[in-house]
N, C-alpha and C. Protein backbone atom coordinates (compact mmCIF):
# COMPACT_ATOMS: atom_id res chain seq x y z
N MET A 1 120.96 -112.75 3.17
CA MET A 1 121.06 -112.62 1.73
C MET A 1 119.88 -111.78 1.24
N GLN A 2 120.17 -110.79 0.44
CA GLN A 2 119.12 -109.94 -0.11
C GLN A 2 118.37 -110.69 -1.20
N LYS A 3 117.06 -110.60 -1.16
CA LYS A 3 116.23 -111.27 -2.15
C LYS A 3 115.70 -110.25 -3.14
N THR A 4 115.41 -110.74 -4.34
CA THR A 4 114.82 -109.91 -5.37
C THR A 4 113.75 -110.73 -6.07
N LYS A 5 112.93 -110.09 -6.84
CA LYS A 5 111.80 -110.73 -7.48
C LYS A 5 112.16 -111.16 -8.90
N ILE A 6 111.58 -112.30 -9.31
CA ILE A 6 111.73 -112.79 -10.68
C ILE A 6 110.36 -113.24 -11.17
N ASN A 7 110.06 -112.96 -12.41
CA ASN A 7 108.81 -113.41 -13.02
C ASN A 7 109.13 -114.55 -13.97
N ILE A 8 108.40 -115.66 -13.83
CA ILE A 8 108.57 -116.78 -14.74
C ILE A 8 107.21 -117.17 -15.28
N THR A 9 107.21 -117.76 -16.46
CA THR A 9 105.98 -118.21 -17.10
C THR A 9 106.00 -119.73 -17.17
N LEU A 10 104.95 -120.35 -16.64
CA LEU A 10 104.82 -121.81 -16.65
C LEU A 10 103.42 -122.19 -17.11
N ASP A 11 103.26 -123.45 -17.50
CA ASP A 11 101.93 -123.95 -17.84
C ASP A 11 101.04 -123.88 -16.61
N LYS A 12 99.77 -123.58 -16.83
CA LYS A 12 98.83 -123.42 -15.72
C LYS A 12 98.78 -124.65 -14.82
N ASP A 13 98.77 -125.85 -15.40
CA ASP A 13 98.68 -127.06 -14.59
C ASP A 13 99.94 -127.25 -13.73
N LEU A 14 101.08 -126.84 -14.23
CA LEU A 14 102.32 -126.93 -13.46
C LEU A 14 102.30 -125.95 -12.29
N ILE A 15 101.76 -124.78 -12.51
CA ILE A 15 101.63 -123.79 -11.45
C ILE A 15 100.71 -124.31 -10.35
N GLU A 16 99.58 -124.87 -10.75
CA GLU A 16 98.64 -125.41 -9.77
C GLU A 16 99.27 -126.55 -8.97
N PHE A 17 100.02 -127.41 -9.65
CA PHE A 17 100.71 -128.49 -8.95
C PHE A 17 101.71 -127.92 -7.94
N ALA A 18 102.47 -126.93 -8.35
CA ALA A 18 103.47 -126.33 -7.46
C ALA A 18 102.81 -125.71 -6.23
N LYS A 19 101.69 -125.06 -6.41
CA LYS A 19 100.97 -124.46 -5.28
C LYS A 19 100.46 -125.52 -4.32
N LEU A 20 99.87 -126.58 -4.87
CA LEU A 20 99.37 -127.67 -4.03
C LEU A 20 100.51 -128.37 -3.29
N TYR A 21 101.59 -128.63 -4.01
CA TYR A 21 102.76 -129.27 -3.41
C TYR A 21 103.32 -128.42 -2.28
N ALA A 22 103.44 -127.13 -2.52
CA ALA A 22 103.97 -126.22 -1.50
C ALA A 22 103.07 -126.22 -0.27
N GLU A 23 101.79 -126.20 -0.48
CA GLU A 23 100.86 -126.21 0.65
C GLU A 23 100.99 -127.51 1.45
N GLU A 24 101.07 -128.63 0.75
CA GLU A 24 101.21 -129.93 1.42
C GLU A 24 102.52 -130.02 2.21
N GLN A 25 103.57 -129.40 1.69
CA GLN A 25 104.88 -129.45 2.32
C GLN A 25 105.11 -128.30 3.30
N ARG A 26 104.09 -127.46 3.47
CA ARG A 26 104.17 -126.30 4.36
C ARG A 26 105.37 -125.41 4.01
N THR A 27 105.45 -125.08 2.74
CA THR A 27 106.50 -124.20 2.25
C THR A 27 105.90 -123.28 1.20
N THR A 28 106.72 -122.63 0.43
CA THR A 28 106.23 -121.72 -0.61
C THR A 28 106.74 -122.17 -1.97
N VAL A 29 106.07 -121.71 -3.00
CA VAL A 29 106.52 -122.00 -4.36
C VAL A 29 107.89 -121.37 -4.58
N SER A 30 108.12 -120.19 -4.03
CA SER A 30 109.43 -119.55 -4.14
C SER A 30 110.52 -120.42 -3.55
N GLU A 31 110.25 -121.01 -2.39
CA GLU A 31 111.23 -121.88 -1.75
C GLU A 31 111.51 -123.12 -2.59
N ILE A 32 110.47 -123.69 -3.20
CA ILE A 32 110.65 -124.86 -4.07
C ILE A 32 111.55 -124.51 -5.24
N VAL A 33 111.27 -123.39 -5.90
CA VAL A 33 112.07 -122.97 -7.05
C VAL A 33 113.50 -122.66 -6.60
N GLY A 34 113.63 -121.98 -5.48
CA GLY A 34 114.96 -121.65 -4.97
C GLY A 34 115.78 -122.91 -4.65
N GLN A 35 115.16 -123.89 -4.01
CA GLN A 35 115.87 -125.13 -3.69
C GLN A 35 116.26 -125.89 -4.96
N PHE A 36 115.40 -125.86 -5.96
CA PHE A 36 115.70 -126.53 -7.22
C PHE A 36 116.92 -125.90 -7.88
N ILE A 37 116.95 -124.58 -7.92
CA ILE A 37 118.08 -123.87 -8.55
C ILE A 37 119.35 -124.07 -7.73
N LEU A 38 119.22 -124.03 -6.41
CA LEU A 38 120.38 -124.28 -5.55
C LEU A 38 120.95 -125.68 -5.80
N ASN A 39 120.07 -126.66 -5.96
CA ASN A 39 120.51 -128.01 -6.27
C ASN A 39 121.24 -128.06 -7.61
N LEU A 40 120.74 -127.37 -8.60
CA LEU A 40 121.42 -127.31 -9.90
C LEU A 40 122.82 -126.72 -9.76
N ARG A 41 122.93 -125.66 -8.96
CA ARG A 41 124.23 -125.03 -8.74
C ARG A 41 125.20 -125.98 -8.04
N ARG A 42 124.71 -126.72 -7.06
CA ARG A 42 125.57 -127.68 -6.35
C ARG A 42 126.08 -128.76 -7.30
N VAL A 43 125.19 -129.26 -8.13
CA VAL A 43 125.59 -130.29 -9.09
C VAL A 43 126.64 -129.74 -10.04
N LYS A 44 126.42 -128.54 -10.52
CA LYS A 44 127.36 -127.90 -11.44
C LYS A 44 128.73 -127.71 -10.82
N ARG A 45 128.76 -127.37 -9.53
CA ARG A 45 130.03 -127.13 -8.83
C ARG A 45 130.62 -128.40 -8.21
N ASN A 46 129.97 -129.54 -8.42
CA ASN A 46 130.40 -130.80 -7.81
C ASN A 46 130.52 -130.70 -6.30
N ASP A 47 129.54 -130.06 -5.69
CA ASP A 47 129.49 -129.90 -4.25
C ASP A 47 129.40 -131.26 -3.57
N PRO A 48 130.23 -131.53 -2.56
CA PRO A 48 130.17 -132.81 -1.86
C PRO A 48 128.81 -133.11 -1.24
N THR A 49 128.08 -132.05 -0.89
CA THR A 49 126.74 -132.26 -0.34
C THR A 49 125.88 -133.03 -1.33
N GLU A 50 126.07 -132.75 -2.61
CA GLU A 50 125.28 -133.44 -3.64
C GLU A 50 125.58 -134.93 -3.63
N MET A 51 126.82 -135.32 -3.39
CA MET A 51 127.14 -136.74 -3.35
C MET A 51 126.39 -137.43 -2.22
N ILE A 52 126.31 -136.77 -1.07
CA ILE A 52 125.58 -137.35 0.05
C ILE A 52 124.10 -137.46 -0.28
N LEU A 53 123.53 -136.38 -0.81
CA LEU A 53 122.12 -136.39 -1.13
C LEU A 53 121.77 -137.30 -2.30
N SER A 54 122.76 -137.67 -3.10
CA SER A 54 122.47 -138.54 -4.24
C SER A 54 122.29 -140.00 -3.81
N ASP A 55 122.69 -140.34 -2.57
CA ASP A 55 122.46 -141.69 -2.07
C ASP A 55 120.96 -141.87 -1.87
N PRO A 56 120.33 -142.80 -2.61
CA PRO A 56 118.87 -142.94 -2.55
C PRO A 56 118.33 -143.21 -1.15
N ASP A 57 119.01 -144.03 -0.36
CA ASP A 57 118.52 -144.33 0.99
C ASP A 57 118.59 -143.10 1.90
N PHE A 58 119.71 -142.36 1.81
CA PHE A 58 119.85 -141.16 2.62
C PHE A 58 118.80 -140.13 2.21
N LYS A 59 118.64 -139.94 0.92
CA LYS A 59 117.69 -138.94 0.43
C LYS A 59 116.27 -139.30 0.88
N GLU A 60 115.90 -140.58 0.79
CA GLU A 60 114.56 -141.01 1.21
C GLU A 60 114.36 -140.76 2.71
N SER A 61 115.38 -141.09 3.50
CA SER A 61 115.31 -140.88 4.94
C SER A 61 115.19 -139.39 5.27
N LEU A 62 115.97 -138.57 4.59
CA LEU A 62 115.94 -137.13 4.80
C LEU A 62 114.57 -136.55 4.45
N LEU A 63 114.04 -136.93 3.30
CA LEU A 63 112.73 -136.42 2.88
C LEU A 63 111.63 -136.88 3.84
N ASP A 64 111.74 -138.11 4.34
CA ASP A 64 110.78 -138.63 5.31
C ASP A 64 110.83 -137.81 6.60
N THR A 65 112.04 -137.51 7.05
CA THR A 65 112.21 -136.72 8.27
C THR A 65 111.64 -135.31 8.09
N VAL A 66 111.95 -134.68 6.97
CA VAL A 66 111.43 -133.33 6.69
C VAL A 66 109.90 -133.35 6.66
N SER A 67 109.33 -134.38 6.05
CA SER A 67 107.88 -134.50 5.98
C SER A 67 107.27 -134.62 7.37
N LYS A 68 107.88 -135.43 8.23
CA LYS A 68 107.38 -135.59 9.61
C LYS A 68 107.48 -134.27 10.38
N ILE A 69 108.56 -133.55 10.19
CA ILE A 69 108.72 -132.26 10.88
C ILE A 69 107.64 -131.29 10.43
N ARG A 70 107.42 -131.21 9.13
CA ARG A 70 106.44 -130.26 8.59
C ARG A 70 105.01 -130.63 8.98
N SER A 71 104.73 -131.92 9.12
CA SER A 71 103.37 -132.35 9.46
C SER A 71 103.10 -132.28 10.96
N GLY A 72 104.15 -132.08 11.76
CA GLY A 72 103.98 -132.03 13.20
C GLY A 72 104.01 -133.40 13.85
N LYS A 73 104.34 -134.45 13.10
CA LYS A 73 104.37 -135.82 13.63
C LYS A 73 105.68 -136.16 14.34
N MET A 74 106.66 -135.27 14.27
CA MET A 74 107.96 -135.51 14.89
C MET A 74 107.86 -135.18 16.37
N LYS A 75 108.33 -136.08 17.22
CA LYS A 75 108.36 -135.83 18.66
C LYS A 75 109.74 -135.29 19.01
N TRP A 76 109.77 -134.10 19.60
CA TRP A 76 111.02 -133.46 19.97
C TRP A 76 111.38 -133.81 21.40
N HIS A 77 112.67 -133.94 21.67
CA HIS A 77 113.16 -134.25 23.00
C HIS A 77 114.15 -133.17 23.43
N SER A 78 114.20 -132.94 24.73
CA SER A 78 115.16 -131.97 25.25
C SER A 78 116.55 -132.60 25.28
N TYR A 79 117.54 -131.78 25.45
CA TYR A 79 118.93 -132.24 25.54
C TYR A 79 119.07 -133.22 26.70
N GLU A 80 118.44 -132.88 27.82
CA GLU A 80 118.52 -133.74 29.01
C GLU A 80 117.91 -135.11 28.76
N GLU A 81 116.80 -135.16 28.03
CA GLU A 81 116.15 -136.45 27.74
C GLU A 81 117.03 -137.33 26.86
N VAL A 82 117.74 -136.73 25.95
CA VAL A 82 118.55 -137.50 25.01
C VAL A 82 119.87 -137.94 25.64
N PHE A 83 120.47 -137.07 26.44
CA PHE A 83 121.82 -137.34 26.94
C PHE A 83 121.90 -137.55 28.46
N ARG A 84 120.94 -138.22 29.06
CA ARG A 84 121.07 -138.50 30.49
C ARG A 84 121.83 -139.77 30.69
């Protein structure tokens, strides 16, 4: 997908929070904004993915897993280790 640039204006404290959050999550502010807008689009289109992600337990588990992956705390296993 081809990307293009957009300029937005936000309060300084919100920008600082977004930068810190992105750094903690090992992502970018652009990715955060993109995911937020993508989520809005899914909700608007009644995407079934949104129904799955709206389950609080699933969402919490997913966010926990993503956090572990980004922090390097996730232990990866080979196919052979999992399916012997």
